């Protein structure tokens, strides 16, 4: 984070940046973290951990949140789940000062209404540490963190022991990719390069492989994406064949079937203008598919294999 932003947000509190782009510490003894750029966006997340104390609040939490939302226009979300207050803030030139205002108002409300700091997982009033589970941040106690890690490891081992069937998985991947291929042809007829259809093909192929094959693994991912590449190629040619059929019938007044138009593609590729458009659209389509699918494919693979990443700060 820029030092000017850090100074605005921390104020007089001992907040520090760890890990990168996350400020953490305590405000009025309540655990707090402020995260910049959540989910790759320009949004900020501000989370403060507290639960009701022995005395009921004199001013309802719902009223406080409504008042804060109306007073700070950049707040897009303000919620409370019984253990933590969470705010989502749009980025702006005044983001640092607005986040500081949120921290001050939230800490003041919690203190005046008898709230006490707590673990974000179990809700107990115990020592907590900022922890990361698959890039999701939470202040939690040692007991909750260790239990989550044990559960994740157990799930990973269970999935690793699960048998899969490559043959039936290939069938599922092919059927799934076909759905994306059909969508590709339809979108291409509208004059667009169908990156979204490529994403649909990749997701459906992986889901199909997993459903028919029992589980997805590295081999399954490679096979599924190879099938997607082939299906996209065929779908692209089908889209071009439809365009050729239209051209032959409209401009030359000749009858032309899809099969005949498909066979004409190599002849049309000898034309430099057609060839340039053909290869440009195919390569751009592959690139858009790769970009659109990367995060989804990565997430699906991690979920299917049970892989996880944890950390404590």
C-alpha atoms as a PDB file:
ATOM      1  CA  UNK A   1       0.000   0.000   0.000  1.00  0.00           C
ATOM      2  CA  UNK A   2       1.054   3.591  -0.521  1.00  0.00           C
ATOM      3  CA  UNK A   3       2.424   5.073   2.680  1.00  0.00           C
ATOM      4  CA  UNK A   4       0.027   8.028   2.526  1.00  0.00           C
ATOM      5  CA  UNK A   5      -2.938   5.613   2.504  1.00  0.00           C
ATOM      6  CA  UNK A   6      -1.469   3.587   5.356  1.00  0.00           C
ATOM      7  CA  UNK A   7      -1.073   6.694   7.506  1.00  0.00           C
ATOM      8  CA  UNK A   8      -4.632   7.852   6.784  1.00  0.00           C
ATOM      9  CA  UNK A   9      -6.124   4.473   7.673  1.00  0.00           C
ATOM     10  CA  UNK A  10      -4.073   3.665  10.762  1.00  0.00           C
ATOM     11  CA  UNK A  11      -4.484   7.057  12.444  1.00  0.00           C
ATOM     12  CA  UNK A  12      -3.206   6.678  15.992  1.00  0.00           C
ATOM     13  CA  UNK A  13      -3.725   2.915  16.064  1.00  0.00           C
ATOM     14  CA  UNK A  14      -0.905   0.418  15.722  1.00  0.00           C
ATOM     15  CA  UNK A  15      -1.974  -1.063  12.392  1.00  0.00           C
ATOM     16  CA  UNK A  16       0.659  -2.693  10.209  1.00  0.00           C
ATOM     17  CA  UNK A  17       0.772  -4.167   6.696  1.00  0.00           C
ATOM     18  CA  UNK A  18       1.061  -7.950   6.821  1.00  0.00           C
ATOM     19  CA  UNK A  19       0.583  -9.678   4.436  1.00  0.00           C
ATOM     20  CA  UNK A  20       0.906  -7.382   1.427  1.00  0.00           C
ATOM     21  CA  UNK A  21      -2.078  -5.081   0.803  1.00  0.00           C
ATOM     22  CA  UNK A  22      -3.602  -6.005   4.170  1.00  0.00           C
ATOM     23  CA  UNK A  23      -3.495  -3.710   7.206  1.00  0.00           C
ATOM     24  CA  UNK A  24      -4.173  -5.475  10.481  1.00  0.00           C
ATOM     25  CA  UNK A  25      -4.148  -4.746  14.193  1.00  0.00           C
ATOM     26  CA  UNK A  26      -6.601  -3.515  16.813  1.00  0.00           C
ATOM     27  CA  UNK A  27      -8.832  -0.480  17.098  1.00  0.00           C
ATOM     28  CA  UNK A  28     -10.212   0.063  20.610  1.00  0.00           C
ATOM     29  CA  UNK A  29      -9.043  -3.524  21.328  1.00  0.00           C
ATOM     30  CA  UNK A  30     -11.205  -4.969  18.509  1.00  0.00           C
ATOM     31  CA  UNK A  31      -9.294  -7.058  15.913  1.00  0.00           C
ATOM     32  CA  UNK A  32      -9.389  -5.347  12.520  1.00  0.00           C
ATOM     33  CA  UNK A  33      -8.106  -5.935   9.034  1.00  0.00           C
ATOM     34  CA  UNK A  34      -8.369  -3.707   5.970  1.00  0.00           C
ATOM     35  CA  UNK A  35      -7.775  -5.366   2.601  1.00  0.00           C
ATOM     36  CA  UNK A  36      -7.084  -3.532  -0.632  1.00  0.00           C
ATOM     37  CA  UNK A  37      -8.266  -4.765  -4.028  1.00  0.00           C
ATOM     38  CA  UNK A  38     -10.498  -7.699  -3.029  1.00  0.00           C
ATOM     39  CA  UNK A  39     -11.113 -10.263  -5.784  1.00  0.00           C
ATOM     40  CA  UNK A  40      -8.939  -8.268  -8.164  1.00  0.00           C
ATOM     41  CA  UNK A  41     -11.236  -5.233  -8.041  1.00  0.00           C
ATOM     42  CA  UNK A  42     -10.784  -1.669  -6.827  1.00  0.00           C
ATOM     43  CA  UNK A  43     -12.918  -2.421  -3.761  1.00  0.00           C
ATOM     44  CA  UNK A  44     -11.688  -2.396  -0.162  1.00  0.00           C
ATOM     45  CA  UNK A  45     -12.836  -4.751   2.597  1.00  0.00           C
ATOM     46  CA  UNK A  46     -12.911  -3.570   6.214  1.00  0.00           C
ATOM     47  CA  UNK A  47     -13.632  -6.192   8.907  1.00  0.00           C
ATOM     48  CA  UNK A  48     -13.878  -5.700  12.673  1.00  0.00           C
ATOM     49  CA  UNK A  49     -14.446  -8.618  15.075  1.00  0.00           C
ATOM     50  CA  UNK A  50     -16.861  -8.341  17.993  1.00  0.00           C
ATOM     51  CA  UNK A  51     -19.837 -10.037  19.616  1.00  0.00           C
ATOM     52  CA  UNK A  52     -22.481  -8.834  22.046  1.00  0.00           C
ATOM     53  CA  UNK A  53     -21.370  -8.659  25.648  1.00  0.00           C
ATOM     54  CA  UNK A  54     -23.355  -9.516  28.752  1.00  0.00           C
ATOM     55  CA  UNK A  55     -25.579  -6.458  28.364  1.00  0.00           C
ATOM     56  CA  UNK A  56     -27.849  -5.986  25.347  1.00  0.00           C
ATOM     57  CA  UNK A  57     -26.948  -3.039  23.084  1.00  0.00           C
ATOM     58  CA  UNK A  58     -28.851   0.183  23.712  1.00  0.00           C
ATOM     59  CA  UNK A  59     -28.736   1.060  20.016  1.00  0.00           C
ATOM     60  CA  UNK A  60     -29.566  -1.685  17.512  1.00  0.00           C
ATOM     61  CA  UNK A  61     -26.829  -2.849  15.137  1.00  0.00           C
ATOM     62  CA  UNK A  62     -29.215  -2.585  12.155  1.00  0.00           C
ATOM     63  CA  UNK A  63     -29.829   1.072  12.908  1.00  0.00           C
ATOM     64  CA  UNK A  64     -26.112   1.786  13.238  1.00  0.00           C
ATOM     65  CA  UNK A  65     -25.334   0.100   9.902  1.00  0.00           C
ATOM     66  CA  UNK A  66     -28.120   1.963   8.110  1.00  0.00           C
ATOM     67  CA  UNK A  67     -26.865   5.245   9.552  1.00  0.00           C
ATOM     68  CA  UNK A  68     -23.279   4.505   8.491  1.00  0.00           C
ATOM     69  CA  UNK A  69     -24.293   3.523   4.939  1.00  0.00           C
ATOM     70  CA  UNK A  70     -26.251   6.727   4.472  1.00  0.00           C
ATOM     71  CA  UNK A  71     -23.436   8.831   5.937  1.00  0.00           C
ATOM     72  CA  UNK A  72     -20.555   7.370   3.920  1.00  0.00           C
ATOM     73  CA  UNK A  73     -21.591   7.111   0.272  1.00  0.00           C
ATOM     74  CA  UNK A  74     -18.655   4.940  -0.832  1.00  0.00           C
ATOM     75  CA  UNK A  75     -19.820   2.063   1.394  1.00  0.00           C
ATOM     76  CA  UNK A  76     -21.498  -0.516  -0.871  1.00  0.00           C
ATOM     77  CA  UNK A  77     -22.068  -3.121   1.828  1.00  0.00           C
ATOM     78  CA  UNK A  78     -22.319  -3.061   5.605  1.00  0.00           C
ATOM     79  CA  UNK A  79     -23.220  -6.268   7.430  1.00  0.00           C
ATOM     80  CA  UNK A  80     -22.910  -8.071  10.764  1.00  0.00           C
ATOM     81  CA  UNK A  81     -23.097 -11.842  11.316  1.00  0.00           C
ATOM     82  CA  UNK A  82     -22.886 -11.925  15.113  1.00  0.00           C
ATOM     83  CA  UNK A  83     -19.087 -12.161  15.154  1.00  0.00           C
ATOM     84  CA  UNK A  84     -17.814  -9.569  12.727  1.00  0.00           C
ATOM     85  CA  UNK A  85     -18.718  -6.294  11.096  1.00  0.00           C
ATOM     86  CA  UNK A  86     -17.889  -6.220   7.393  1.00  0.00           C
ATOM     87  CA  UNK A  87     -17.796  -3.207   5.095  1.00  0.00           C
ATOM     88  CA  UNK A  88     -17.097  -3.047   1.352  1.00  0.00           C
ATOM     89  CA  UNK A  89     -15.851   0.354   0.203  1.00  0.00           C
ATOM     90  CA  UNK A  90     -15.430   1.687  -3.327  1.00  0.00           C
ATOM     91  CA  UNK A  91     -11.992   3.057  -4.124  1.00  0.00           C
ATOM     92  CA  UNK A  92     -11.587   6.822  -4.450  1.00  0.00           C
ATOM     93  CA  UNK A  93      -9.139   9.591  -3.718  1.00  0.00           C
ATOM     94  CA  UNK A  94     -10.598   9.775  -0.212  1.00  0.00           C
ATOM     95  CA  UNK A  95     -10.671   6.019   0.450  1.00  0.00           C
ATOM     96  CA  UNK A  96      -8.108   6.202   3.255  1.00  0.00           C
ATOM     97  CA  UNK A  97      -9.994   8.881   5.192  1.00  0.00           C
ATOM     98  CA  UNK A  98     -13.342   7.147   4.658  1.00  0.00           C
ATOM     99  CA  UNK A  99     -11.983   3.838   5.933  1.00  0.00           C
ATOM    100  CA  UNK A 100     -10.564   5.615   8.956  1.00  0.00           C
ATOM    101  CA  UNK A 101     -14.000   7.147   9.566  1.00  0.00           C
ATOM    102  CA  UNK A 102     -15.585   3.689   9.355  1.00  0.00           C
ATOM    103  CA  UNK A 103     -13.105   2.283  11.867  1.00  0.00           C
ATOM    104  CA  UNK A 104     -13.683   5.140  14.306  1.00  0.00           C
ATOM    105  CA  UNK A 105     -17.471   4.975  14.096  1.00  0.00           C
ATOM    106  CA  UNK A 106     -17.583   1.168  14.331  1.00  0.00           C
ATOM    107  CA  UNK A 107     -15.205   1.040  17.308  1.00  0.00           C
ATOM    108  CA  UNK A 108     -17.139   3.801  19.065  1.00  0.00           C
ATOM    109  CA  UNK A 109     -20.461   2.024  18.528  1.00  0.00           C
ATOM    110  CA  UNK A 110     -19.124  -1.345  19.699  1.00  0.00           C
ATOM    111  CA  UNK A 111     -17.501   0.124  22.820  1.00  0.00           C
ATOM    112  CA  UNK A 112     -20.554   2.169  23.857  1.00  0.00           C
ATOM    113  CA  UNK A 113     -22.885  -0.792  23.395  1.00  0.00           C
ATOM    114  CA  UNK A 114     -20.872  -3.345  25.348  1.00  0.00           C
ATOM    115  CA  UNK A 115     -19.496  -5.505  22.544  1.00  0.00           C
ATOM    116  CA  UNK A 116     -16.373  -7.578  23.165  1.00  0.00           C
ATOM    117  CA  UNK A 117     -13.660  -8.867  20.771  1.00  0.00           C
ATOM    118  CA  UNK A 118     -13.989 -12.478  19.591  1.00  0.00           C
ATOM    119  CA  UNK A 119     -12.831 -15.203  17.230  1.00  0.00           C
ATOM    120  CA  UNK A 120     -14.363 -14.902  13.763  1.00  0.00           C
ATOM    121  CA  UNK A 121     -14.963 -18.650  13.600  1.00  0.00           C
ATOM    122  CA  UNK A 122     -16.161 -19.898  17.006  1.00  0.00           C
ATOM    123  CA  UNK A 123     -17.120 -16.513  18.445  1.00  0.00           C
ATOM    124  CA  UNK A 124     -15.316 -17.104  21.738  1.00  0.00           C
ATOM    125  CA  UNK A 125     -13.580 -14.267  23.546  1.00  0.00           C
ATOM    126  CA  UNK A 126     -10.058 -15.690  23.133  1.00  0.00           C
ATOM    127  CA  UNK A 127      -6.697 -14.561  21.644  1.00  0.00           C
ATOM    128  CA  UNK A 128      -6.871 -14.482  17.839  1.00  0.00           C
ATOM    129  CA  UNK A 129      -4.436 -14.228  14.911  1.00  0.00           C
ATOM    130  CA  UNK A 130      -5.080 -13.047  11.367  1.00  0.00           C
ATOM    131  CA  UNK A 131      -5.211 -16.220   9.286  1.00  0.00           C
ATOM    132  CA  UNK A 132      -5.635 -17.063   5.612  1.00  0.00           C
ATOM    133  CA  UNK A 133      -7.502 -20.084   4.268  1.00  0.00           C
ATOM    134  CA  UNK A 134      -7.348 -20.286   0.462  1.00  0.00           C
ATOM    135  CA  UNK A 135      -6.819 -16.512   0.327  1.00  0.00           C
ATOM    136  CA  UNK A 136      -9.822 -15.785   2.569  1.00  0.00           C
ATOM    137  CA  UNK A 137      -8.811 -13.729   5.602  1.00  0.00           C
ATOM    138  CA  UNK A 138     -10.168 -14.202   9.114  1.00  0.00           C
ATOM    139  CA  UNK A 139      -9.096 -13.497  12.672  1.00  0.00           C
ATOM    140  CA  UNK A 140      -9.367 -16.830  14.469  1.00  0.00           C
ATOM    141  CA  UNK A 141      -8.076 -18.640  17.507  1.00  0.00           C
ATOM    142  CA  UNK A 142      -5.489 -21.437  17.417  1.00  0.00           C
ATOM    143  CA  UNK A 143      -8.114 -24.105  18.019  1.00  0.00           C
ATOM    144  CA  UNK A 144     -10.316 -23.053  15.072  1.00  0.00           C
ATOM    145  CA  UNK A 145      -7.357 -22.602  12.734  1.00  0.00           C
ATOM    146  CA  UNK A 146      -5.931 -26.036  13.544  1.00  0.00           C
ATOM    147  CA  UNK A 147      -9.347 -27.677  13.171  1.00  0.00           C
ATOM    148  CA  UNK A 148      -9.854 -26.082   9.741  1.00  0.00           C
ATOM    149  CA  UNK A 149      -6.398 -27.170   8.584  1.00  0.00           C
ATOM    150  CA  UNK A 150      -7.065 -30.735   9.760  1.00  0.00           C
ATOM    151  CA  UNK A 151     -10.398 -30.806   7.913  1.00  0.00           C
ATOM    152  CA  UNK A 152      -8.808 -29.503   4.726  1.00  0.00           C
ATOM    153  CA  UNK A 153      -6.021 -32.078   4.888  1.00  0.00           C
ATOM    154  CA  UNK A 154      -8.501 -34.877   5.550  1.00  0.00           C
ATOM    155  CA  UNK A 155     -10.601 -33.787   2.566  1.00  0.00           C
ATOM    156  CA  UNK A 156      -7.494 -33.650   0.350  1.00  0.00           C
ATOM    157  CA  UNK A 157      -6.463 -37.193   1.295  1.00  0.00           C
ATOM    158  CA  UNK A 158     -10.008 -38.474   0.785  1.00  0.00           C
ATOM    159  CA  UNK A 159     -10.161 -36.995  -2.722  1.00  0.00           C
ATOM    160  CA  UNK A 160      -6.693 -38.311  -3.572  1.00  0.00           C
ATOM    161  CA  UNK A 161      -7.796 -41.827  -2.658  1.00  0.00           C
ATOM    162  CA  UNK A 162     -10.890 -41.596  -4.846  1.00  0.00           C
ATOM    163  CA  UNK A 163     -10.602 -43.582  -8.067  1.00  0.00           C
ATOM    164  CA  UNK A 164     -11.420 -42.073 -11.449  1.00  0.00           C
ATOM    165  CA  UNK A 165     -12.269 -43.468 -14.876  1.00  0.00           C
ATOM    166  CA  UNK A 166     -10.445 -41.757 -17.743  1.00  0.00           C
ATOM    167  CA  UNK A 167     -12.577 -43.315 -20.510  1.00  0.00           C
ATOM    168  CA  UNK A 168     -15.928 -42.224 -19.103  1.00  0.00           C
ATOM    169  CA  UNK A 169     -14.343 -38.916 -18.136  1.00  0.00           C
ATOM    170  CA  UNK A 170     -13.403 -38.264 -21.771  1.00  0.00           C
ATOM    171  CA  UNK A 171     -17.004 -38.957 -22.798  1.00  0.00           C
ATOM    172  CA  UNK A 172     -18.244 -36.465 -20.209  1.00  0.00           C
ATOM    173  CA  UNK A 173     -15.696 -33.850 -21.262  1.00  0.00           C
ATOM    174  CA  UNK A 174     -16.689 -34.220 -24.911  1.00  0.00           C
ATOM    175  CA  UNK A 175     -20.400 -33.852 -24.172  1.00  0.00           C
ATOM    176  CA  UNK A 176     -19.738 -30.830 -21.987  1.00  0.00           C
ATOM    177  CA  UNK A 177     -17.492 -29.162 -24.556  1.00  0.00           C
ATOM    178  CA  UNK A 178     -20.158 -29.682 -27.243  1.00  0.00           C
ATOM    179  CA  UNK A 179     -22.494 -27.356 -25.345  1.00  0.00           C
ATOM    180  CA  UNK A 180     -19.882 -24.621 -25.505  1.00  0.00           C
ATOM    181  CA  UNK A 181     -19.273 -25.405 -29.173  1.00  0.00           C
ATOM    182  CA  UNK A 182     -22.939 -24.886 -30.016  1.00  0.00           C
ATOM    183  CA  UNK A 183     -22.897 -21.596 -28.116  1.00  0.00           C
ATOM    184  CA  UNK A 184     -19.743 -20.564 -30.017  1.00  0.00           C
ATOM    185  CA  UNK A 185     -21.495 -21.055 -33.382  1.00  0.00           C
ATOM    186  CA  UNK A 186     -24.565 -19.111 -32.236  1.00  0.00           C
ATOM    187  CA  UNK A 187     -22.551 -16.187 -30.867  1.00  0.00           C
ATOM    188  CA  UNK A 188     -20.308 -16.114 -33.946  1.00  0.00           C
ATOM    189  CA  UNK A 189     -23.374 -15.612 -36.134  1.00  0.00           C
ATOM    190  CA  UNK A 190     -24.067 -12.413 -34.227  1.00  0.00           C
ATOM    191  CA  UNK A 191     -20.700 -11.055 -35.332  1.00  0.00           C
ATOM    192  CA  UNK A 192     -18.782 -11.588 -32.097  1.00  0.00           C
ATOM    193  CA  UNK A 193     -15.707 -13.620 -31.220  1.00  0.00           C
ATOM    194  CA  UNK A 194     -17.109 -15.995 -28.638  1.00  0.00           C
ATOM    195  CA  UNK A 195     -14.753 -15.898 -25.655  1.00  0.00           C
ATOM    196  CA  UNK A 196     -17.707 -16.436 -23.298  1.00  0.00           C
ATOM    197  CA  UNK A 197     -18.603 -19.557 -25.285  1.00  0.00           C
ATOM    198  CA  UNK A 198     -15.035 -20.789 -24.843  1.00  0.00           C
ATOM    199  CA  UNK A 199     -15.402 -20.298 -21.090  1.00  0.00           C
ATOM    200  CA  UNK A 200     -18.667 -22.247 -21.160  1.00  0.00           C
ATOM    201  CA  UNK A 201     -16.985 -25.028 -23.130  1.00  0.00           C
ATOM    202  CA  UNK A 202     -14.081 -25.257 -20.677  1.00  0.00           C
ATOM    203  CA  UNK A 203     -16.297 -25.276 -17.592  1.00  0.00           C
ATOM    204  CA  UNK A 204     -18.777 -27.775 -19.065  1.00  0.00           C
ATOM    205  CA  UNK A 205     -15.963 -30.053 -20.238  1.00  0.00           C
ATOM    206  CA  UNK A 206     -14.345 -30.132 -16.795  1.00  0.00           C
ATOM    207  CA  UNK A 207     -17.690 -30.647 -15.074  1.00  0.00           C
ATOM    208  CA  UNK A 208     -18.530 -33.387 -17.565  1.00  0.00           C
ATOM    209  CA  UNK A 209     -15.189 -35.130 -17.000  1.00  0.00           C
ATOM    210  CA  UNK A 210     -15.667 -34.956 -13.239  1.00  0.00           C
ATOM    211  CA  UNK A 211     -19.267 -36.213 -13.343  1.00  0.00           C
ATOM    212  CA  UNK A 212     -18.642 -39.102 -15.742  1.00  0.00           C
ATOM    213  CA  UNK A 213     -15.095 -39.919 -14.644  1.00  0.00           C
ATOM    214  CA  UNK A 214     -15.628 -39.694 -10.894  1.00  0.00           C
ATOM    215  CA  UNK A 215     -12.930 -37.098 -10.201  1.00  0.00           C
ATOM    216  CA  UNK A 216     -10.835 -34.482 -11.960  1.00  0.00           C
ATOM    217  CA  UNK A 217      -7.027 -34.536 -11.827  1.00  0.00           C
ATOM    218  CA  UNK A 218      -4.129 -33.159 -13.854  1.00  0.00           C
ATOM    219  CA  UNK A 219      -4.700 -35.706 -16.628  1.00  0.00           C
ATOM    220  CA  UNK A 220      -8.394 -34.861 -16.630  1.00  0.00           C
ATOM    221  CA  UNK A 221      -7.688 -31.122 -16.913  1.00  0.00           C
ATOM    222  CA  UNK A 222      -5.250 -31.642 -19.811  1.00  0.00           C
ATOM    223  CA  UNK A 223      -7.633 -33.980 -21.657  1.00  0.00           C
ATOM    224  CA  UNK A 224     -10.631 -31.702 -21.094  1.00  0.00           C
ATOM    225  CA  UNK A 225      -8.828 -28.586 -22.324  1.00  0.00           C
ATOM    226  CA  UNK A 226      -7.481 -30.464 -25.359  1.00  0.00           C
ATOM    227  CA  UNK A 227     -11.037 -31.510 -26.210  1.00  0.00           C
ATOM    228  CA  UNK A 228     -12.172 -27.904 -25.752  1.00  0.00           C
ATOM    229  CA  UNK A 229      -9.476 -26.706 -28.181  1.00  0.00           C
ATOM    230  CA  UNK A 230     -10.627 -29.224 -30.805  1.00  0.00           C
ATOM    231  CA  UNK A 231     -14.316 -28.420 -30.297  1.00  0.00           C
ATOM    232  CA  UNK A 232     -13.637 -24.687 -30.595  1.00  0.00           C
ATOM    233  CA  UNK A 233     -11.733 -25.307 -33.842  1.00  0.00           C
ATOM    234  CA  UNK A 234     -14.609 -27.342 -35.275  1.00  0.00           C
ATOM    235  CA  UNK A 235     -17.186 -24.818 -34.023  1.00  0.00           C
ATOM    236  CA  UNK A 236     -15.217 -21.965 -35.581  1.00  0.00           C
ATOM    237  CA  UNK A 237     -15.152 -23.784 -38.905  1.00  0.00           C
ATOM    238  CA  UNK A 238     -18.857 -24.475 -38.611  1.00  0.00           C
ATOM    239  CA  UNK A 239     -19.496 -20.775 -38.045  1.00  0.00           C
ATOM    240  CA  UNK A 240     -17.383 -19.933 -41.104  1.00  0.00           C
ATOM    241  CA  UNK A 241     -19.212 -22.583 -43.151  1.00  0.00           C
ATOM    242  CA  UNK A 242     -22.539 -20.966 -42.300  1.00  0.00           C
ATOM    243  CA  UNK A 243     -21.171 -17.610 -43.440  1.00  0.00           C
ATOM    244  CA  UNK A 244     -19.888 -19.173 -46.682  1.00  0.00           C
ATOM    245  CA  UNK A 245     -23.272 -20.807 -47.294  1.00  0.00           C
ATOM    246  CA  UNK A 246     -24.987 -17.432 -46.886  1.00  0.00           C
ATOM    247  CA  UNK A 247     -22.520 -15.748 -49.233  1.00  0.00           C
ATOM    248  CA  UNK A 248     -22.884 -18.410 -51.942  1.00  0.00           C
ATOM    249  CA  UNK A 249     -26.683 -18.262 -51.802  1.00  0.00           C
ATOM    250  CA  UNK A 250     -27.055 -14.474 -51.501  1.00  0.00           C
ATOM    251  CA  UNK A 251     -24.334 -13.199 -53.814  1.00  0.00           C
ATOM    252  CA  UNK A 252     -24.030 -15.985 -56.354  1.00  0.00           C
ATOM    253  CA  UNK A 253     -27.609 -17.299 -56.255  1.00  0.00           C
ATOM    254  CA  UNK A 254     -26.491 -20.910 -55.926  1.00  0.00           C
ATOM    255  CA  UNK A 255     -27.801 -23.566 -53.600  1.00  0.00           C
ATOM    256  CA  UNK A 256     -25.237 -24.651 -51.015  1.00  0.00           C
ATOM    257  CA  UNK A 257     -25.475 -27.132 -48.137  1.00  0.00           C
ATOM    258  CA  UNK A 258     -23.545 -26.802 -44.901  1.00  0.00           C
ATOM    259  CA  UNK A 259     -21.484 -29.838 -45.890  1.00  0.00           C
ATOM    260  CA  UNK A 260     -20.537 -28.262 -49.203  1.00  0.00           C
ATOM    261  CA  UNK A 261     -19.738 -24.955 -47.498  1.00  0.00           C
ATOM    262  CA  UNK A 262     -17.540 -26.786 -44.994  1.00  0.00           C
ATOM    263  CA  UNK A 263     -15.588 -28.341 -47.872  1.00  0.00           C
ATOM    264  CA  UNK A 264     -15.110 -24.894 -49.423  1.00  0.00           C
ATOM    265  CA  UNK A 265     -13.209 -23.513 -46.410  1.00  0.00           C
ATOM    266  CA  UNK A 266      -9.740 -24.555 -47.718  1.00  0.00           C
ATOM    267  CA  UNK A 267     -10.506 -22.853 -51.052  1.00  0.00           C
ATOM    268  CA  UNK A 268     -11.643 -19.657 -49.295  1.00  0.00           C
ATOM    269  CA  UNK A 269      -8.479 -19.703 -47.175  1.00  0.00           C
ATOM    270  CA  UNK A 270      -6.473 -19.071 -50.335  1.00  0.00           C
ATOM    271  CA  UNK A 271      -8.030 -15.602 -50.321  1.00  0.00           C
ATOM    272  CA  UNK A 272      -5.807 -13.354 -48.188  1.00  0.00           C
ATOM    273  CA  UNK A 273      -8.686 -11.276 -46.777  1.00  0.00           C
ATOM    274  CA  UNK A 274     -10.760 -14.300 -45.746  1.00  0.00           C
ATOM    275  CA  UNK A 275      -7.663 -16.066 -44.395  1.00  0.00           C
ATOM    276  CA  UNK A 276      -6.679 -13.083 -42.254  1.00  0.00           C
ATOM    277  CA  UNK A 277     -10.157 -12.846 -40.708  1.00  0.00           C
ATOM    278  CA  UNK A 278     -10.382 -16.615 -40.235  1.00  0.00           C
ATOM    279  CA  UNK A 279      -7.089 -16.961 -38.350  1.00  0.00           C
ATOM    280  CA  UNK A 280      -7.540 -13.719 -36.432  1.00  0.00           C
ATOM    281  CA  UNK A 281     -10.933 -14.759 -35.098  1.00  0.00           C
ATOM    282  CA  UNK A 282      -9.734 -18.262 -34.211  1.00  0.00           C
ATOM    283  CA  UNK A 283      -6.597 -17.085 -32.408  1.00  0.00           C
ATOM    284  CA  UNK A 284      -8.404 -14.270 -30.593  1.00  0.00           C
ATOM    285  CA  UNK A 285     -11.097 -16.767 -29.615  1.00  0.00           C
ATOM    286  CA  UNK A 286      -8.486 -19.126 -28.175  1.00  0.00           C
ATOM    287  CA  UNK A 287      -6.859 -16.238 -26.301  1.00  0.00           C
ATOM    288  CA  UNK A 288     -10.171 -15.018 -24.870  1.00  0.00           C
ATOM    289  CA  UNK A 289     -11.053 -18.571 -23.854  1.00  0.00           C
ATOM    290  CA  UNK A 290      -7.720 -18.965 -22.047  1.00  0.00           C
ATOM    291  CA  UNK A 291      -8.046 -15.642 -20.223  1.00  0.00           C
ATOM    292  CA  UNK A 292     -11.710 -16.121 -19.307  1.00  0.00           C
ATOM    293  CA  UNK A 293     -11.218 -19.721 -18.191  1.00  0.00           C
ATOM    294  CA  UNK A 294      -7.974 -19.525 -16.224  1.00  0.00           C
ATOM    295  CA  UNK A 295      -9.340 -18.500 -12.822  1.00  0.00           C
ATOM    296  CA  UNK A 296     -12.370 -20.803 -13.120  1.00  0.00           C
ATOM    297  CA  UNK A 297     -10.315 -23.805 -14.209  1.00  0.00           C
ATOM    298  CA  UNK A 298      -7.798 -23.188 -11.425  1.00  0.00           C
ATOM    299  CA  UNK A 299     -10.558 -22.948  -8.825  1.00  0.00           C
ATOM    300  CA  UNK A 300     -12.326 -26.086 -10.084  1.00  0.00           C
ATOM    301  CA  UNK A 301      -9.060 -28.048 -10.058  1.00  0.00           C
ATOM    302  CA  UNK A 302      -8.224 -26.917  -6.517  1.00  0.00           C
ATOM    303  CA  UNK A 303     -11.704 -27.840  -5.293  1.00  0.00           C
ATOM    304  CA  UNK A 304     -11.673 -31.221  -6.991  1.00  0.00           C
ATOM    305  CA  UNK A 305      -8.233 -32.169  -5.637  1.00  0.00           C
ATOM    306  CA  UNK A 306      -8.750 -30.588  -2.226  1.00  0.00           C
ATOM    307  CA  UNK A 307      -5.573 -28.531  -2.545  1.00  0.00           C
ATOM    308  CA  UNK A 308      -5.409 -25.611  -0.154  1.00  0.00           C
ATOM    309  CA  UNK A 309      -3.176 -22.815   1.034  1.00  0.00           C
ATOM    310  CA  UNK A 310      -3.064 -21.477   4.585  1.00  0.00           C
ATOM    311  CA  UNK A 311      -1.124 -18.862   6.459  1.00  0.00           C
ATOM    312  CA  UNK A 312      -0.953 -16.977   9.748  1.00  0.00           C
ATOM    313  CA  UNK A 313       0.233 -13.418  10.128  1.00  0.00           C
END
